[in-house]
Every structure is written in C-alpha cells, then in structure tokens.
Amino acid sequence: MKTNFTITCTNDQKLTAVKYNPNNINNKKLVVINSALGVKQSFYEPLPTYLTKHGFTVITWDPRGIGLSSQKNIKNDRAKLREWGQIDLTAPLDKIVEKQWTDWHNITLIGHSAGGHLIGLCPRIKQIKKVILICSGTCAWHLYPTIHQPKMLFAWCVLFPFLYKTIGYVPDQFGLGHALPKGIAKDWRKWSLNKNYLFGDNSLGEHFYASYKGQIEAIGFSDDYGFSPKKTIYDLVERFTLAHSKIEIFKPCEFNRKSIGHFGVFKASNEHMWQKLILSKLT
C-alpha cells in the first residue's frame, strides 16, 4: 500500500512524497530514495514495491522543480539544484522522525546519481548511519571518457546557456526525462565545468561530506560511461574522508545482462539484481 503526503520545507516550499508501507510485519527499517537529476520519483516504484515485501517502509519524493513538486509554469520555477541537498532532503527526514515512523539509526538513504552526490549538503546526513550510492559520482567534465567530453562541453558552454537565456528553462528533450528550471540547470552547469565540481563552489557555504562518519556502499556499472563512470564515483566517495566506504563496479555480464548503464538497475526486469546489490546491504 502506498500513500501520497505533502512535506513543507523550512522556506515554505511544498514537496510531494510517497510512503510505501510493508505488506507484512514492519521491521522498523526505513529507506529513503533520492532521485537522480530530472527523474520523477515514480520511476523508482518497482524498487519500493520489492522492498516492502521484505518488511521495509520506503519513502520516495520529488525535490522542488521536479515531478509532483514542480510548478505548472516552469519559467516561474525558481528552484536551484543546491536546494535539493541544503533544504529539501531535510524535510522528509525530519517528517519521518516527527511521525515516529522510525528512528534516525534505522534510516538508510539510497541516492541515485545527483540524489547521492547532493546528500553531503544536508545537515541531517550526520545522523544517518548508512548510505547506498547507486551510479552516483561527481560530474566534473574532465573525469569522463575523452569521447564524451566534446559533447558535454558543448552542452555546458553552448546549448544549456542558450536554452535558459532564450526560453527560460531546459526542455526535457535535451538530455533528461524532465524539463529543468533555469536555476537547476545553472547550478549543474557551473559545477560540471569546475574540476572540483560543487566542492569548488564557495557560494555553497557549509557542507558535511568530510564530517560524515557513517557507512557508504557505492555501486556502479562498467557500461555507465555518459553519466557516472568509475572515475566520478571514486571522486565522490573520496570526499567522504571519515566514512567507512566500499566501492563496487559491476559488469553487466555478472547479472546476465548485455547492458545496465545509468538507469537499468531500477527496472522491474532487473529485480534479480536487487538481493545482492541492495537488500543484502539493508539487512
């Protein structure tokens, strides 16, 4: 069973989330899934459905500017990518504890792509004991395979600025599955052109990557070339200097697949992968 609910952030921004309740006895373990950039929470529904069968409560949510948390007129949406970590993630975590759905030590964060690399901007991350990063790395352009770099630099230096300056946002047909408000695209562009990604942005103020002392399980796939190749994953995990970290890069053939890439692991057809990649890390 799943139920939609609304969360109010500290700056009064409203976010829409979904709570998936376990079909049997609740083991008090709760998983929060943080979406990739431009990906609606509904994309992840097969995984929460699977985890509830094993007694887990699961929360998915759309950050500002995306899916059920976006404004009707995207040109008027002032969302910024930095706010997903600095403000938005705090709201569902606080809601969980306020409603006594579980305690801090029983919450695991699963972060896909940007949903993983933004968690260190959230002050609550220090209270989370375990994080599972899936295809999540920094997006600094120089860490990508050489063959992809010209295309990326064209997007950052020409295409994205042209789009958000002329029409006020980046349409969904130019890269991801959801149109991006101007502020989100600008943050992403700015960080990706910096060799230190968001860690080179002094305007962000305090962040909590280097002070996180919990456990990080980072998972990647050898055929994820265009979004989170191996170098970007290692670059991100190395920022969590005090964490107990483990990185695993899998080949699709290990799961009898020709390809998995950046998004494939979340498809219902790949449920056979979840015991090893996710469930075993939650129990």
C-alpha atoms as a PDB file:
ATOM      1  CA  MET A   1       0.000   0.000   0.000  1.00  0.00           C
ATOM      2  CA  LYS A   2       1.248   3.481  -0.811  1.00  0.00           C
ATOM      3  CA  THR A   3       0.082   6.926   0.238  1.00  0.00           C
ATOM      4  CA  ASN A   4       0.982  10.395  -1.008  1.00  0.00           C
ATOM      5  CA  PHE A   5       1.805  13.100   1.508  1.00  0.00           C
ATOM      6  CA  THR A   6       2.999  16.687   1.473  1.00  0.00           C
ATOM      7  CA  ILE A   7       6.128  17.988   3.149  1.00  0.00           C
ATOM      8  CA  THR A   8       6.803  21.629   3.990  1.00  0.00           C
ATOM      9  CA  CYS A   9      10.422  22.788   3.881  1.00  0.00           C
ATOM     10  CA  THR A  10      11.881  25.420   6.201  1.00  0.00           C
ATOM     11  CA  ASN A  11      11.402  28.069   3.485  1.00  0.00           C
ATOM     12  CA  ASP A  12       7.733  27.005   2.999  1.00  0.00           C
ATOM     13  CA  GLN A  13       8.418  25.133  -0.240  1.00  0.00           C
ATOM     14  CA  LYS A  14       5.913  22.276  -0.610  1.00  0.00           C
ATOM     15  CA  LEU A  15       7.176  18.868  -1.740  1.00  0.00           C
ATOM     16  CA  THR A  16       5.192  15.749  -2.609  1.00  0.00           C
ATOM     17  CA  ALA A  17       6.352  12.372  -1.330  1.00  0.00           C
ATOM     18  CA  VAL A  18       5.061   8.793  -1.374  1.00  0.00           C
ATOM     19  CA  LYS A  19       5.167   6.341   1.538  1.00  0.00           C
ATOM     20  CA  TYR A  20       5.246   2.642   0.682  1.00  0.00           C
ATOM     21  CA  ASN A  21       4.131   0.517   3.611  1.00  0.00           C
ATOM     22  CA  PRO A  22       5.290  -3.087   4.096  1.00  0.00           C
ATOM     23  CA  ASN A  23       2.871  -5.896   3.359  1.00  0.00           C
ATOM     24  CA  ASN A  24       3.829  -7.827   6.469  1.00  0.00           C
ATOM     25  CA  ILE A  25       5.454  -7.055   9.812  1.00  0.00           C
ATOM     26  CA  ASN A  26       7.277  -3.717   9.769  1.00  0.00           C
ATOM     27  CA  ASN A  27      10.880  -4.290  10.841  1.00  0.00           C
ATOM     28  CA  LYS A  28      11.187  -0.523  11.602  1.00  0.00           C
ATOM     29  CA  LYS A  29      13.804  -0.240   8.876  1.00  0.00           C
ATOM     30  CA  LEU A  30      13.071   2.668   6.588  1.00  0.00           C
ATOM     31  CA  VAL A  31      14.607   3.529   3.226  1.00  0.00           C
ATOM     32  CA  VAL A  32      14.560   6.969   1.622  1.00  0.00           C
ATOM     33  CA  ILE A  33      15.207   7.042  -2.126  1.00  0.00           C
ATOM     34  CA  ASN A  34      16.701  10.246  -3.506  1.00  0.00           C
ATOM     35  CA  SER A  35      16.048  10.633  -7.217  1.00  0.00           C
ATOM     36  CA  ALA A  36      18.531  11.396  -9.964  1.00  0.00           C
ATOM     37  CA  LEU A  37      18.533  14.825 -11.548  1.00  0.00           C
ATOM     38  CA  GLY A  38      15.424  15.288 -13.694  1.00  0.00           C
ATOM     39  CA  VAL A  39      13.961  11.875 -12.772  1.00  0.00           C
ATOM     40  CA  LYS A  40      10.497  11.664 -11.215  1.00  0.00           C
ATOM     41  CA  GLN A  41      10.066   9.576  -8.084  1.00  0.00           C
ATOM     42  CA  SER A  42       7.562   7.355  -9.923  1.00  0.00           C
ATOM     43  CA  PHE A  43      10.472   5.921 -11.949  1.00  0.00           C
ATOM     44  CA  TYR A  44      11.684   4.095  -8.832  1.00  0.00           C
ATOM     45  CA  GLU A  45       8.361   2.457  -7.903  1.00  0.00           C
ATOM     46  CA  PRO A  46       9.421  -1.150  -8.680  1.00  0.00           C
ATOM     47  CA  LEU A  47      12.171  -0.997  -6.040  1.00  0.00           C
ATOM     48  CA  PRO A  48       9.983   0.275  -3.141  1.00  0.00           C
ATOM     49  CA  THR A  49       7.382  -2.318  -4.052  1.00  0.00           C
ATOM     50  CA  TYR A  50      10.053  -5.005  -3.812  1.00  0.00           C
ATOM     51  CA  LEU A  51      11.449  -3.728  -0.511  1.00  0.00           C
ATOM     52  CA  THR A  52       8.032  -3.595   1.171  1.00  0.00           C
ATOM     53  CA  LYS A  53       7.720  -7.326   0.550  1.00  0.00           C
ATOM     54  CA  HIS A  54      10.776  -7.705   2.779  1.00  0.00           C
ATOM     55  CA  GLY A  55       9.337  -5.608   5.589  1.00  0.00           C
ATOM     56  CA  PHE A  56      10.830  -2.209   4.754  1.00  0.00           C
ATOM     57  CA  THR A  57       8.999   1.086   4.739  1.00  0.00           C
ATOM     58  CA  VAL A  58      10.131   3.208   1.781  1.00  0.00           C
ATOM     59  CA  ILE A  59       9.828   6.938   1.095  1.00  0.00           C
ATOM     60  CA  THR A  60      10.265   8.466  -2.355  1.00  0.00           C
ATOM     61  CA  TRP A  61       9.950  12.184  -3.021  1.00  0.00           C
ATOM     62  CA  ASP A  62      10.228  14.800  -5.729  1.00  0.00           C
ATOM     63  CA  PRO A  63      12.551  17.734  -4.982  1.00  0.00           C
ATOM     64  CA  ARG A  64      11.490  21.228  -5.949  1.00  0.00           C
ATOM     65  CA  GLY A  65      11.255  21.809  -9.683  1.00  0.00           C
ATOM     66  CA  ILE A  66      10.639  18.123 -10.496  1.00  0.00           C
ATOM     67  CA  GLY A  67       7.563  15.923 -10.904  1.00  0.00           C
ATOM     68  CA  LEU A  68       4.819  16.427  -8.333  1.00  0.00           C
ATOM     69  CA  SER A  69       6.880  19.154  -6.636  1.00  0.00           C
ATOM     70  CA  SER A  70       7.240  21.313  -9.748  1.00  0.00           C
ATOM     71  CA  GLN A  71       5.269  24.408 -10.670  1.00  0.00           C
ATOM     72  CA  LYS A  72       2.844  24.405 -13.610  1.00  0.00           C
ATOM     73  CA  ASN A  73       4.776  27.172 -15.347  1.00  0.00           C
ATOM     74  CA  ILE A  74       8.392  26.071 -15.360  1.00  0.00           C
ATOM     75  CA  LYS A  75       9.548  29.551 -16.363  1.00  0.00           C
ATOM     76  CA  ASN A  76       8.366  30.798 -12.956  1.00  0.00           C
ATOM     77  CA  ASP A  77      10.034  27.969 -11.014  1.00  0.00           C
ATOM     78  CA  ARG A  78      12.975  29.400  -9.054  1.00  0.00           C
ATOM     79  CA  ALA A  79      14.312  26.040  -7.907  1.00  0.00           C
ATOM     80  CA  LYS A  80      18.067  25.602  -7.578  1.00  0.00           C
ATOM     81  CA  LEU A  81      19.937  22.318  -7.561  1.00  0.00           C
ATOM     82  CA  ARG A  82      21.776  23.203  -4.365  1.00  0.00           C
ATOM     83  CA  GLU A  83      18.451  23.458  -2.523  1.00  0.00           C
ATOM     84  CA  TRP A  84      17.778  19.756  -3.053  1.00  0.00           C
ATOM     85  CA  GLY A  85      20.584  18.969  -0.638  1.00  0.00           C
ATOM     86  CA  GLN A  86      20.661  22.049   1.567  1.00  0.00           C
ATOM     87  CA  ILE A  87      16.919  22.277   2.261  1.00  0.00           C
ATOM     88  CA  ASP A  88      14.716  19.693   0.570  1.00  0.00           C
ATOM     89  CA  LEU A  89      16.285  16.464   1.866  1.00  0.00           C
ATOM     90  CA  THR A  90      15.975  17.710   5.443  1.00  0.00           C
ATOM     91  CA  ALA A  91      12.177  17.885   5.119  1.00  0.00           C
ATOM     92  CA  PRO A  92      11.370  14.175   4.526  1.00  0.00           C
ATOM     93  CA  LEU A  93      13.980  13.072   7.071  1.00  0.00           C
ATOM     94  CA  ASP A  94      12.511  15.330   9.764  1.00  0.00           C
ATOM     95  CA  LYS A  95       8.995  14.208   8.848  1.00  0.00           C
ATOM     96  CA  ILE A  96       9.954  10.559   9.337  1.00  0.00           C
ATOM     97  CA  VAL A  97      11.236  11.192  12.847  1.00  0.00           C
ATOM     98  CA  GLU A  98       8.408  13.571  13.797  1.00  0.00           C
ATOM     99  CA  LYS A  99       5.790  10.993  12.786  1.00  0.00           C
ATOM    100  CA  GLN A 100       7.765   8.286  14.626  1.00  0.00           C
ATOM    101  CA  TRP A 101       7.823   6.061  11.560  1.00  0.00           C
ATOM    102  CA  THR A 102      11.266   5.032  12.767  1.00  0.00           C
ATOM    103  CA  ASP A 103      14.377   6.390  14.495  1.00  0.00           C
ATOM    104  CA  TRP A 104      17.430   8.031  12.938  1.00  0.00           C
ATOM    105  CA  HIS A 105      19.590   4.921  13.262  1.00  0.00           C
ATOM    106  CA  ASN A 106      17.079   2.864  11.237  1.00  0.00           C
ATOM    107  CA  ILE A 107      17.048   5.163   8.193  1.00  0.00           C
ATOM    108  CA  THR A 108      19.076   4.248   5.104  1.00  0.00           C
ATOM    109  CA  LEU A 109      19.476   6.664   2.214  1.00  0.00           C
ATOM    110  CA  ILE A 110      19.617   5.322  -1.321  1.00  0.00           C
ATOM    111  CA  GLY A 111      20.909   8.028  -3.637  1.00  0.00           C
ATOM    112  CA  HIS A 112      20.792   7.632  -7.390  1.00  0.00           C
ATOM    113  CA  SER A 113      23.142   9.908  -9.344  1.00  0.00           C
ATOM    114  CA  ALA A 114      22.571  13.511  -8.150  1.00  0.00           C
ATOM    115  CA  GLY A 115      20.355  12.085  -5.426  1.00  0.00           C
ATOM    116  CA  GLY A 116      23.556  10.666  -3.970  1.00  0.00           C
ATOM    117  CA  HIS A 117      26.131  13.356  -4.638  1.00  0.00           C
ATOM    118  CA  LEU A 118      23.982  16.112  -3.067  1.00  0.00           C
ATOM    119  CA  ILE A 119      23.480  14.401   0.304  1.00  0.00           C
ATOM    120  CA  GLY A 120      26.568  15.994   1.832  1.00  0.00           C
ATOM    121  CA  LEU A 121      24.873  19.392   1.582  1.00  0.00           C
ATOM    122  CA  CYS A 122      22.213  18.229   4.055  1.00  0.00           C
ATOM    123  CA  PRO A 123      22.916  18.915   7.754  1.00  0.00           C
ATOM    124  CA  ARG A 124      20.915  15.812   8.747  1.00  0.00           C
ATOM    125  CA  ILE A 125      23.304  13.477   6.948  1.00  0.00           C
ATOM    126  CA  LYS A 126      25.393  13.242  10.117  1.00  0.00           C
ATOM    127  CA  GLN A 127      22.525  11.369  11.800  1.00  0.00           C
ATOM    128  CA  ILE A 128      22.188   8.744   9.047  1.00  0.00           C
ATOM    129  CA  LYS A 129      24.159   5.561   9.682  1.00  0.00           C
ATOM    130  CA  LYS A 130      24.186   4.122   6.168  1.00  0.00           C
ATOM    131  CA  VAL A 131      24.092   5.464   2.617  1.00  0.00           C
ATOM    132  CA  ILE A 132      23.870   3.419  -0.591  1.00  0.00           C
ATOM    133  CA  LEU A 133      25.081   5.330  -3.624  1.00  0.00           C
ATOM    134  CA  ILE A 134      23.934   3.927  -6.966  1.00  0.00           C
ATOM    135  CA  CYS A 135      25.592   5.285 -10.112  1.00  0.00           C
ATOM    136  CA  SER A 136      26.463   8.394  -8.164  1.00  0.00           C
ATOM    137  CA  GLY A 137      29.583  10.415  -8.809  1.00  0.00           C
ATOM    138  CA  THR A 138      30.704  13.953  -9.311  1.00  0.00           C
ATOM    139  CA  CYS A 139      30.015  15.411 -12.763  1.00  0.00           C
ATOM    140  CA  ALA A 140      33.254  17.275 -13.435  1.00  0.00           C
ATOM    141  CA  TRP A 141      33.709  17.045 -17.204  1.00  0.00           C
ATOM    142  CA  HIS A 142      37.386  16.029 -17.161  1.00  0.00           C
ATOM    143  CA  LEU A 143      36.605  12.760 -15.343  1.00  0.00           C
ATOM    144  CA  TYR A 144      34.559  11.400 -18.255  1.00  0.00           C
ATOM    145  CA  PRO A 145      35.902   9.303 -21.138  1.00  0.00           C
ATOM    146  CA  THR A 146      37.551  11.512 -23.747  1.00  0.00           C
ATOM    147  CA  ILE A 147      34.998  10.547 -26.369  1.00  0.00           C
ATOM    148  CA  HIS A 148      32.191  12.102 -24.293  1.00  0.00           C
ATOM    149  CA  GLN A 149      33.933  15.342 -23.375  1.00  0.00           C
ATOM    150  CA  PRO A 150      33.244  17.397 -26.555  1.00  0.00           C
ATOM    151  CA  LYS A 151      29.519  16.652 -26.322  1.00  0.00           C
ATOM    152  CA  MET A 152      29.440  17.577 -22.638  1.00  0.00           C
ATOM    153  CA  LEU A 153      31.354  20.812 -23.125  1.00  0.00           C
ATOM    154  CA  PHE A 154      29.027  21.787 -25.973  1.00  0.00           C
ATOM    155  CA  ALA A 155      26.030  21.234 -23.686  1.00  0.00           C
ATOM    156  CA  TRP A 156      27.513  23.235 -20.807  1.00  0.00           C
ATOM    157  CA  CYS A 157      29.074  26.057 -22.809  1.00  0.00           C
ATOM    158  CA  VAL A 158      26.599  26.487 -25.663  1.00  0.00           C
ATOM    159  CA  LEU A 159      23.341  24.552 -25.509  1.00  0.00           C
ATOM    160  CA  PHE A 160      22.228  24.987 -21.887  1.00  0.00           C
ATOM    161  CA  PRO A 161      23.027  28.748 -21.677  1.00  0.00           C
ATOM    162  CA  PHE A 162      21.246  29.327 -24.996  1.00  0.00           C
ATOM    163  CA  LEU A 163      18.127  27.486 -23.813  1.00  0.00           C
ATOM    164  CA  TYR A 164      17.691  29.025 -20.385  1.00  0.00           C
ATOM    165  CA  LYS A 165      18.523  32.502 -21.640  1.00  0.00           C
ATOM    166  CA  THR A 166      16.085  32.337 -24.570  1.00  0.00           C
ATOM    167  CA  ILE A 167      13.155  30.273 -23.271  1.00  0.00           C
ATOM    168  CA  GLY A 168      13.851  30.318 -19.525  1.00  0.00           C
ATOM    169  CA  TYR A 169      14.459  26.610 -18.901  1.00  0.00           C
ATOM    170  CA  VAL A 170      15.936  23.423 -20.399  1.00  0.00           C
ATOM    171  CA  PRO A 171      13.263  21.267 -22.127  1.00  0.00           C
ATOM    172  CA  ASP A 172      13.141  17.561 -21.366  1.00  0.00           C
ATOM    173  CA  GLN A 173      14.115  16.551 -24.900  1.00  0.00           C
ATOM    174  CA  PHE A 174      17.600  17.989 -24.325  1.00  0.00           C
ATOM    175  CA  GLY A 175      19.007  15.273 -22.110  1.00  0.00           C
ATOM    176  CA  LEU A 176      16.845  14.040 -19.219  1.00  0.00           C
ATOM    177  CA  GLY A 177      13.252  12.955 -18.791  1.00  0.00           C
ATOM    178  CA  HIS A 178      12.037  16.114 -17.093  1.00  0.00           C
ATOM    179  CA  ALA A 179      12.410  19.764 -18.046  1.00  0.00           C
ATOM    180  CA  LEU A 180      14.857  21.629 -15.803  1.00  0.00           C
ATOM    181  CA  PRO A 181      14.119  25.046 -14.309  1.00  0.00           C
ATOM    182  CA  LYS A 182      16.769  27.646 -15.050  1.00  0.00           C
ATOM    183  CA  GLY A 183      18.311  27.650 -11.564  1.00  0.00           C
ATOM    184  CA  ILE A 184      18.788  23.881 -11.544  1.00  0.00           C
ATOM    185  CA  ALA A 185      20.440  23.900 -14.960  1.00  0.00           C
ATOM    186  CA  LYS A 186      22.719  26.800 -13.973  1.00  0.00           C
ATOM    187  CA  ASP A 187      23.972  25.073 -10.820  1.00  0.00           C
ATOM    188  CA  TRP A 188      24.596  21.832 -12.692  1.00  0.00           C
ATOM    189  CA  ARG A 189      26.443  23.648 -15.479  1.00  0.00           C
ATOM    190  CA  LYS A 190      28.561  25.729 -13.102  1.00  0.00           C
ATOM    191  CA  TRP A 191      29.678  22.742 -11.048  1.00  0.00           C
ATOM    192  CA  SER A 192      30.310  20.473 -14.036  1.00  0.00           C
ATOM    193  CA  LEU A 193      32.717  22.991 -15.564  1.00  0.00           C
ATOM    194  CA  ASN A 194      34.715  23.105 -12.318  1.00  0.00           C
ATOM    195  CA  LYS A 195      37.348  20.396 -11.867  1.00  0.00           C
ATOM    196  CA  ASN A 196      36.272  20.132  -8.223  1.00  0.00           C
ATOM    197  CA  TYR A 197      32.579  20.028  -9.145  1.00  0.00           C
ATOM    198  CA  LEU A 198      30.401  21.540  -6.361  1.00  0.00           C
ATOM    199  CA  PHE A 199      33.357  21.353  -3.966  1.00  0.00           C
ATOM    200  CA  GLY A 200      34.859  24.292  -5.832  1.00  0.00           C
ATOM    201  CA  ASP A 201      31.786  26.493  -5.288  1.00  0.00           C
ATOM    202  CA  ASN A 202      32.451  28.789  -2.333  1.00  0.00           C
ATOM    203  CA  SER A 203      28.912  30.172  -2.503  1.00  0.00           C
ATOM    204  CA  LEU A 204      27.537  26.920  -1.069  1.00  0.00           C
ATOM    205  CA  GLY A 205      28.771  27.662   2.433  1.00  0.00           C
ATOM    206  CA  GLU A 206      28.973  24.827   4.950  1.00  0.00           C
ATOM    207  CA  HIS A 207      28.644  21.232   3.808  1.00  0.00           C
ATOM    208  CA  PHE A 208      29.086  17.889   5.531  1.00  0.00           C
ATOM    209  CA  TYR A 209      30.888  15.462   3.238  1.00  0.00           C
ATOM    210  CA  ALA A 210      34.180  15.457   5.121  1.00  0.00           C
ATOM    211  CA  SER A 211      32.486  15.139   8.535  1.00  0.00           C
ATOM    212  CA  TYR A 212      30.227  12.178   7.722  1.00  0.00           C
ATOM    213  CA  LYS A 213      31.282   9.119   9.774  1.00  0.00           C
ATOM    214  CA  GLY A 214      28.693   6.577   8.667  1.00  0.00           C
ATOM    215  CA  GLN A 215      28.849   3.735   6.167  1.00  0.00           C
ATOM    216  CA  ILE A 216      28.841   4.272   2.407  1.00  0.00           C
ATOM    217  CA  GLU A 217      28.198   1.492  -0.098  1.00  0.00           C
ATOM    218  CA  ALA A 218      28.859   2.834  -3.601  1.00  0.00           C
ATOM    219  CA  ILE A 219      27.710   0.840  -6.623  1.00  0.00           C
ATOM    220  CA  GLY A 220      28.483   1.497 -10.277  1.00  0.00           C
ATOM    221  CA  PHE A 221      28.417  -0.293 -13.607  1.00  0.00           C
ATOM    222  CA  SER A 222      31.207  -0.638 -16.120  1.00  0.00           C
ATOM    223  CA  ASP A 223      28.957   0.436 -19.019  1.00  0.00           C
ATOM    224  CA  ASP A 224      27.782   3.674 -17.366  1.00  0.00           C
ATOM    225  CA  TYR A 225      30.013   5.888 -19.490  1.00  0.00           C
ATOM    226  CA  GLY A 226      27.937   9.020 -20.039  1.00  0.00           C
ATOM    227  CA  PHE A 227      26.598   9.718 -16.540  1.00  0.00           C
ATOM    228  CA  SER A 228      28.646   8.121 -13.734  1.00  0.00           C
ATOM    229  CA  PRO A 229      31.804   6.432 -14.990  1.00  0.00           C
ATOM    230  CA  LYS A 230      34.197   4.853 -12.494  1.00  0.00           C
ATOM    231  CA  LYS A 231      36.403   7.932 -12.007  1.00  0.00           C
ATOM    232  CA  THR A 232      33.457  10.111 -10.977  1.00  0.00           C
ATOM    233  CA  ILE A 233      32.285   7.567  -8.402  1.00  0.00           C
ATOM    234  CA  TYR A 234      35.717   7.351  -6.807  1.00  0.00           C
ATOM    235  CA  ASP A 235      35.984  11.146  -6.841  1.00  0.00           C
ATOM    236  CA  LEU A 236      32.725  11.482  -4.908  1.00  0.00           C
ATOM    237  CA  VAL A 237      33.421   8.766  -2.339  1.00  0.00           C
ATOM    238  CA  GLU A 238      36.863  10.226  -1.625  1.00  0.00           C
ATOM    239  CA  ARG A 239      35.143  13.419  -0.448  1.00  0.00           C
ATOM    240  CA  PHE A 240      33.649  11.493   2.479  1.00  0.00           C
ATOM    241  CA  THR A 241      37.018  11.309   4.200  1.00  0.00           C
ATOM    242  CA  LEU A 242      35.790   9.949   7.558  1.00  0.00           C
ATOM    243  CA  ALA A 243      33.194   7.496   6.238  1.00  0.00           C
ATOM    244  CA  HIS A 244      33.565   3.724   6.144  1.00  0.00           C
ATOM    245  CA  SER A 245      33.352   3.307   2.394  1.00  0.00           C
ATOM    246  CA  LYS A 246      33.183   0.452  -0.074  1.00  0.00           C
ATOM    247  CA  ILE A 247      33.042   0.829  -3.866  1.00  0.00           C
ATOM    248  CA  GLU A 248      31.901  -1.925  -6.230  1.00  0.00           C
ATOM    249  CA  ILE A 249      31.880  -1.561 -10.019  1.00  0.00           C
ATOM    250  CA  PHE A 250      29.954  -4.386 -11.676  1.00  0.00           C
ATOM    251  CA  LYS A 251      29.946  -5.673 -15.238  1.00  0.00           C
ATOM    252  CA  PRO A 252      26.527  -6.331 -16.805  1.00  0.00           C
ATOM    253  CA  CYS A 253      27.582  -9.890 -17.608  1.00  0.00           C
ATOM    254  CA  GLU A 254      27.749 -10.616 -13.859  1.00  0.00           C
ATOM    255  CA  PHE A 255      23.949 -10.370 -13.907  1.00  0.00           C
ATOM    256  CA  ASN A 256      23.444 -11.990 -17.308  1.00  0.00           C
ATOM    257  CA  ARG A 257      22.767  -8.635 -18.936  1.00  0.00           C
ATOM    258  CA  LYS A 258      24.279  -7.062 -22.035  1.00  0.00           C
ATOM    259  CA  SER A 259      23.830  -3.581 -20.612  1.00  0.00           C
ATOM    260  CA  ILE A 260      22.730  -1.865 -17.393  1.00  0.00           C
ATOM    261  CA  GLY A 261      24.100   1.650 -17.725  1.00  0.00           C
ATOM    262  CA  HIS A 262      22.919   4.502 -15.529  1.00  0.00           C
ATOM    263  CA  PHE A 263      19.233   3.657 -15.161  1.00  0.00           C
ATOM    264  CA  GLY A 264      18.862  -0.069 -15.817  1.00  0.00           C
ATOM    265  CA  VAL A 265      19.311  -1.292 -12.253  1.00  0.00           C
ATOM    266  CA  PHE A 266      15.951   0.209 -11.249  1.00  0.00           C
ATOM    267  CA  LYS A 267      13.894  -1.554 -13.932  1.00  0.00           C
ATOM    268  CA  ALA A 268      11.477  -4.222 -12.722  1.00  0.00           C
ATOM    269  CA  SER A 269      13.008  -6.628 -15.235  1.00  0.00           C
ATOM    270  CA  ASN A 270      16.237  -6.466 -13.232  1.00  0.00           C
ATOM    271  CA  GLU A 271      14.694  -7.398  -9.891  1.00  0.00           C
ATOM    272  CA  HIS A 272      17.007 -10.407  -9.732  1.00  0.00           C
ATOM    273  CA  MET A 273      19.871  -7.961  -9.083  1.00  0.00           C
ATOM    274  CA  TRP A 274      18.375  -6.337  -6.006  1.00  0.00           C
ATOM    275  CA  GLN A 275      19.095  -9.060  -3.470  1.00  0.00           C
ATOM    276  CA  LYS A 276      22.840  -8.720  -3.997  1.00  0.00           C
ATOM    277  CA  LEU A 277      23.055  -5.009  -4.751  1.00  0.00           C
ATOM    278  CA  ILE A 278      20.532  -3.558  -2.306  1.00  0.00           C
ATOM    279  CA  LEU A 279      18.693  -5.937   0.035  1.00  0.00           C
ATOM    280  CA  SER A 280      21.881  -7.559   1.342  1.00  0.00           C
ATOM    281  CA  LYS A 281      23.157  -4.113   2.314  1.00  0.00           C
ATOM    282  CA  LEU A 282      19.987  -3.269   4.242  1.00  0.00           C
ATOM    283  CA  THR A 283      19.822  -6.345   6.432  1.00  0.00           C
END
